[in-house]
Amino acid sequence: MIVYTAASHVTLDILKAGLDSAASQASPTVAISGVGDKAYAGADGIIVQAGIHFVEVDGLSADVLANHATSGAMAKAVIAALG
């Protein structure tokens, strides 16, 4: 899990490009709701924008199978801690 701030010059588009490169028919990159201001999920995990922060959760085997519940819950917990 990685948390980026605006000072890091990372953007949601840059992070989404990484998800897109790992996408497959079984787990394409999709927009998800209920996590941060804007979020995407794919085979490589999820990325979330929450205010000036970007949260990346990756490396969970469930994401490869298009099950993003665990990575989403982890991102929500991090966003809450950043509060």
N, C-alpha and C. Protein backbone atom coordinates (compact mmCIF):
# COMPACT_ATOMS: atom_id res chain seq x y z
N MET A 1 0.85 -1.16 0.00
CA MET A 1 0.00 0.00 0.00
C MET A 1 0.90 1.23 0.00
N ILE A 2 0.52 2.21 -0.81
CA ILE A 2 1.28 3.45 -0.91
C ILE A 2 0.31 4.61 -0.83
N VAL A 3 0.69 5.65 -0.10
CA VAL A 3 -0.08 6.89 -0.05
C VAL A 3 0.78 7.99 -0.65
N TYR A 4 0.25 8.67 -1.64
CA TYR A 4 0.93 9.78 -2.29
C TYR A 4 0.22 11.08 -1.92
N THR A 5 0.96 12.16 -1.83
CA THR A 5 0.36 13.48 -1.64
C THR A 5 0.54 14.27 -2.92
N ALA A 6 -0.09 15.42 -2.99
CA ALA A 6 0.02 16.27 -4.17
C ALA A 6 1.48 16.66 -4.42
N ALA A 7 2.28 16.74 -3.38
CA ALA A 7 3.69 17.13 -3.52
C ALA A 7 4.50 16.07 -4.29
N SER A 8 3.99 14.87 -4.39
CA SER A 8 4.73 13.80 -5.07
C SER A 8 4.63 13.89 -6.59
N HIS A 9 3.77 14.73 -7.09
CA HIS A 9 3.53 14.90 -8.54
C HIS A 9 2.90 13.67 -9.19
N VAL A 10 2.38 12.76 -8.39
CA VAL A 10 1.64 11.60 -8.91
C VAL A 10 0.21 12.05 -9.14
N THR A 11 -0.36 11.60 -10.24
CA THR A 11 -1.75 11.92 -10.54
C THR A 11 -2.56 10.63 -10.65
N LEU A 12 -3.86 10.77 -10.59
CA LEU A 12 -4.72 9.61 -10.75
C LEU A 12 -4.54 9.00 -12.14
N ASP A 13 -4.33 9.84 -13.14
CA ASP A 13 -4.12 9.34 -14.51
C ASP A 13 -2.86 8.49 -14.61
N ILE A 14 -1.79 8.90 -13.94
CA ILE A 14 -0.55 8.11 -13.95
C ILE A 14 -0.78 6.76 -13.29
N LEU A 15 -1.46 6.77 -12.14
CA LEU A 15 -1.72 5.51 -11.44
C LEU A 15 -2.66 4.62 -12.24
N LYS A 16 -3.66 5.23 -12.89
CA LYS A 16 -4.61 4.45 -13.69
C LYS A 16 -3.90 3.78 -14.87
N ALA A 17 -2.92 4.44 -15.44
CA ALA A 17 -2.17 3.84 -16.55
C ALA A 17 -1.50 2.54 -16.12
N GLY A 18 -1.03 2.49 -14.88
CA GLY A 18 -0.46 1.25 -14.35
C GLY A 18 -1.50 0.16 -14.22
N LEU A 19 -2.69 0.52 -13.75
CA LEU A 19 -3.77 -0.46 -13.67
C LEU A 19 -4.16 -0.96 -15.05
N ASP A 20 -4.25 -0.02 -15.99
CA ASP A 20 -4.63 -0.39 -17.35
C ASP A 20 -3.64 -1.36 -17.97
N SER A 21 -2.36 -1.21 -17.65
CA SER A 21 -1.35 -2.10 -18.23
C SER A 21 -1.46 -3.52 -17.68
N ALA A 22 -2.04 -3.68 -16.50
CA ALA A 22 -2.20 -5.01 -15.91
C ALA A 22 -3.60 -5.59 -16.15
N ALA A 23 -4.45 -4.84 -16.83
CA ALA A 23 -5.84 -5.26 -17.04
C ALA A 23 -5.92 -6.50 -17.92
N SER A 24 -6.99 -7.24 -17.70
CA SER A 24 -7.25 -8.44 -18.51
C SER A 24 -8.75 -8.52 -18.75
N GLN A 25 -9.17 -9.46 -19.58
CA GLN A 25 -10.61 -9.64 -19.79
C GLN A 25 -11.28 -10.08 -18.49
N ALA A 26 -10.59 -10.88 -17.69
CA ALA A 26 -11.16 -11.36 -16.43
C ALA A 26 -11.21 -10.25 -15.38
N SER A 27 -10.30 -9.30 -15.48
CA SER A 27 -10.26 -8.21 -14.50
C SER A 27 -9.87 -6.90 -15.18
N PRO A 28 -10.81 -6.30 -15.90
CA PRO A 28 -10.52 -5.03 -16.56
C PRO A 28 -10.48 -3.89 -15.54
N THR A 29 -9.91 -2.77 -15.92
CA THR A 29 -9.94 -1.58 -15.07
C THR A 29 -11.35 -1.01 -15.11
N VAL A 30 -11.93 -0.79 -13.93
CA VAL A 30 -13.29 -0.26 -13.82
C VAL A 30 -13.32 0.85 -12.79
N ALA A 31 -14.20 1.81 -13.00
CA ALA A 31 -14.44 2.85 -11.99
C ALA A 31 -15.25 2.22 -10.87
N ILE A 32 -14.91 2.55 -9.62
CA ILE A 32 -15.69 2.05 -8.48
C ILE A 32 -16.13 3.24 -7.64
N SER A 33 -17.21 3.05 -6.91
CA SER A 33 -17.73 4.13 -6.07
C SER A 33 -17.70 3.70 -4.61
N GLY A 34 -17.87 4.67 -3.74
CA GLY A 34 -17.91 4.38 -2.31
C GLY A 34 -16.56 4.37 -1.64
N VAL A 35 -15.51 4.69 -2.41
CA VAL A 35 -14.16 4.75 -1.85
C VAL A 35 -13.54 6.06 -2.31
N GLY A 36 -13.38 7.02 -1.42
CA GLY A 36 -12.76 8.28 -1.78
C GLY A 36 -13.58 9.10 -2.76
N ASP A 37 -12.92 10.08 -3.37
CA ASP A 37 -13.58 10.98 -4.31
C ASP A 37 -13.71 10.34 -5.69
N LYS A 38 -12.71 9.57 -6.08
CA LYS A 38 -12.69 8.91 -7.37
C LYS A 38 -11.80 7.68 -7.21
N ALA A 39 -12.22 6.56 -7.79
CA ALA A 39 -11.43 5.34 -7.62
C ALA A 39 -11.57 4.42 -8.82
N TYR A 40 -10.52 3.65 -9.04
CA TYR A 40 -10.49 2.64 -10.10
C TYR A 40 -9.94 1.35 -9.53
N ALA A 41 -10.42 0.24 -10.06
CA ALA A 41 -9.95 -1.07 -9.63
C ALA A 41 -9.61 -1.90 -10.86
N GLY A 42 -8.67 -2.80 -10.68
CA GLY A 42 -8.27 -3.69 -11.76
C GLY A 42 -7.51 -4.88 -11.23
N ALA A 43 -6.90 -5.62 -12.12
CA ALA A 43 -6.19 -6.84 -11.76
C ALA A 43 -5.03 -6.59 -10.81
N ASP A 44 -4.47 -5.38 -10.84
CA ASP A 44 -3.31 -5.05 -10.03
C ASP A 44 -3.67 -4.38 -8.71
N GLY A 45 -4.96 -4.16 -8.42
CA GLY A 45 -5.37 -3.54 -7.17
C GLY A 45 -6.33 -2.39 -7.41
N ILE A 46 -6.30 -1.43 -6.47
CA ILE A 46 -7.15 -0.26 -6.63
C ILE A 46 -6.33 1.00 -6.39
N ILE A 47 -6.81 2.10 -6.99
CA ILE A 47 -6.24 3.42 -6.74
C ILE A 47 -7.40 4.34 -6.39
N VAL A 48 -7.14 5.22 -5.44
CA VAL A 48 -8.20 6.09 -4.93
C VAL A 48 -7.67 7.51 -4.78
N GLN A 49 -8.45 8.47 -5.20
CA GLN A 49 -8.15 9.87 -4.90
C GLN A 49 -9.07 10.29 -3.77
N ALA A 50 -8.48 10.85 -2.73
CA ALA A 50 -9.24 11.37 -1.59
C ALA A 50 -8.65 12.73 -1.25
N GLY A 51 -9.28 13.78 -1.73
CA GLY A 51 -8.73 15.12 -1.53
C GLY A 51 -7.39 15.25 -2.24
N ILE A 52 -6.35 15.64 -1.49
CA ILE A 52 -5.02 15.78 -2.08
C ILE A 52 -4.20 14.50 -2.02
N HIS A 53 -4.79 13.44 -1.50
CA HIS A 53 -4.09 12.17 -1.36
C HIS A 53 -4.51 11.17 -2.43
N PHE A 54 -3.57 10.32 -2.78
CA PHE A 54 -3.84 9.19 -3.67
C PHE A 54 -3.39 7.94 -2.93
N VAL A 55 -4.27 6.97 -2.84
CA VAL A 55 -3.97 5.72 -2.15
C VAL A 55 -3.95 4.60 -3.18
N GLU A 56 -2.91 3.79 -3.13
CA GLU A 56 -2.77 2.65 -4.02
C GLU A 56 -2.67 1.39 -3.16
N VAL A 57 -3.55 0.45 -3.39
CA VAL A 57 -3.51 -0.84 -2.71
C VAL A 57 -3.34 -1.89 -3.79
N ASP A 58 -2.24 -2.64 -3.71
CA ASP A 58 -2.00 -3.65 -4.74
C ASP A 58 -1.39 -4.90 -4.13
N GLY A 59 -1.30 -5.92 -4.95
CA GLY A 59 -0.67 -7.16 -4.50
C GLY A 59 -1.61 -8.17 -3.86
N LEU A 60 -2.91 -7.90 -3.86
CA LEU A 60 -3.85 -8.85 -3.28
C LEU A 60 -4.36 -9.79 -4.36
N SER A 61 -4.31 -11.08 -4.09
CA SER A 61 -4.71 -12.06 -5.11
C SER A 61 -6.17 -11.92 -5.51
N ALA A 62 -7.03 -11.46 -4.61
CA ALA A 62 -8.45 -11.32 -4.93
C ALA A 62 -8.67 -10.31 -6.05
N ASP A 63 -7.82 -9.30 -6.15
CA ASP A 63 -7.98 -8.28 -7.20
C ASP A 63 -7.81 -8.89 -8.59
N VAL A 64 -6.95 -9.88 -8.73
CA VAL A 64 -6.75 -10.55 -10.01
C VAL A 64 -8.06 -11.20 -10.46
N LEU A 65 -8.87 -11.62 -9.50
CA LEU A 65 -10.15 -12.27 -9.79
C LEU A 65 -11.31 -11.28 -9.79
N ALA A 66 -10.99 -9.98 -9.84
CA ALA A 66 -11.98 -8.89 -9.88
C ALA A 66 -12.81 -8.79 -8.60
N ASN A 67 -12.24 -9.22 -7.47
CA ASN A 67 -12.89 -9.06 -6.17
C ASN A 67 -12.11 -7.98 -5.42
N HIS A 68 -12.66 -6.78 -5.37
CA HIS A 68 -11.93 -5.64 -4.82
C HIS A 68 -12.42 -5.24 -3.42
N ALA A 69 -13.16 -6.10 -2.76
CA ALA A 69 -13.72 -5.76 -1.44
C ALA A 69 -12.62 -5.53 -0.41
N THR A 70 -11.63 -6.39 -0.36
CA THR A 70 -10.57 -6.27 0.65
C THR A 70 -9.70 -5.05 0.38
N SER A 71 -9.28 -4.86 -0.86
CA SER A 71 -8.44 -3.70 -1.16
C SER A 71 -9.23 -2.41 -0.96
N GLY A 72 -10.53 -2.43 -1.26
CA GLY A 72 -11.37 -1.26 -1.02
C GLY A 72 -11.48 -0.93 0.46
N ALA A 73 -11.65 -1.96 1.28
CA ALA A 73 -11.74 -1.76 2.73
C ALA A 73 -10.42 -1.21 3.28
N MET A 74 -9.31 -1.71 2.76
CA MET A 74 -8.00 -1.21 3.20
C MET A 74 -7.84 0.26 2.82
N ALA A 75 -8.23 0.61 1.61
CA ALA A 75 -8.13 2.01 1.18
C ALA A 75 -9.01 2.91 2.03
N LYS A 76 -10.22 2.47 2.34
CA LYS A 76 -11.13 3.26 3.19
C LYS A 76 -10.51 3.51 4.56
N ALA A 77 -9.86 2.48 5.13
CA ALA A 77 -9.25 2.63 6.44
C ALA A 77 -8.10 3.64 6.40
N VAL A 78 -7.32 3.60 5.34
CA VAL A 78 -6.22 4.54 5.21
C VAL A 78 -6.75 5.96 5.05
N ILE A 79 -7.77 6.13 4.22
CA ILE A 79 -8.37 7.45 4.01
C ILE A 79 -8.93 7.99 5.32
N ALA A 80 -9.58 7.14 6.10
CA ALA A 80 -10.12 7.56 7.39
C ALA A 80 -8.99 8.02 8.33
N ALA A 81 -7.86 7.30 8.30
CA ALA A 81 -6.73 7.66 9.16
C ALA A 81 -6.08 8.98 8.72
N LEU A 82 -6.14 9.28 7.43
CA LEU A 82 -5.59 10.53 6.93
C LEU A 82 -6.45 11.72 7.33
N GLY A 83 -7.77 11.42 7.55
CA GLY A 83 -8.80 12.33 7.93
C GLY A 83 -8.50 13.74 7.99
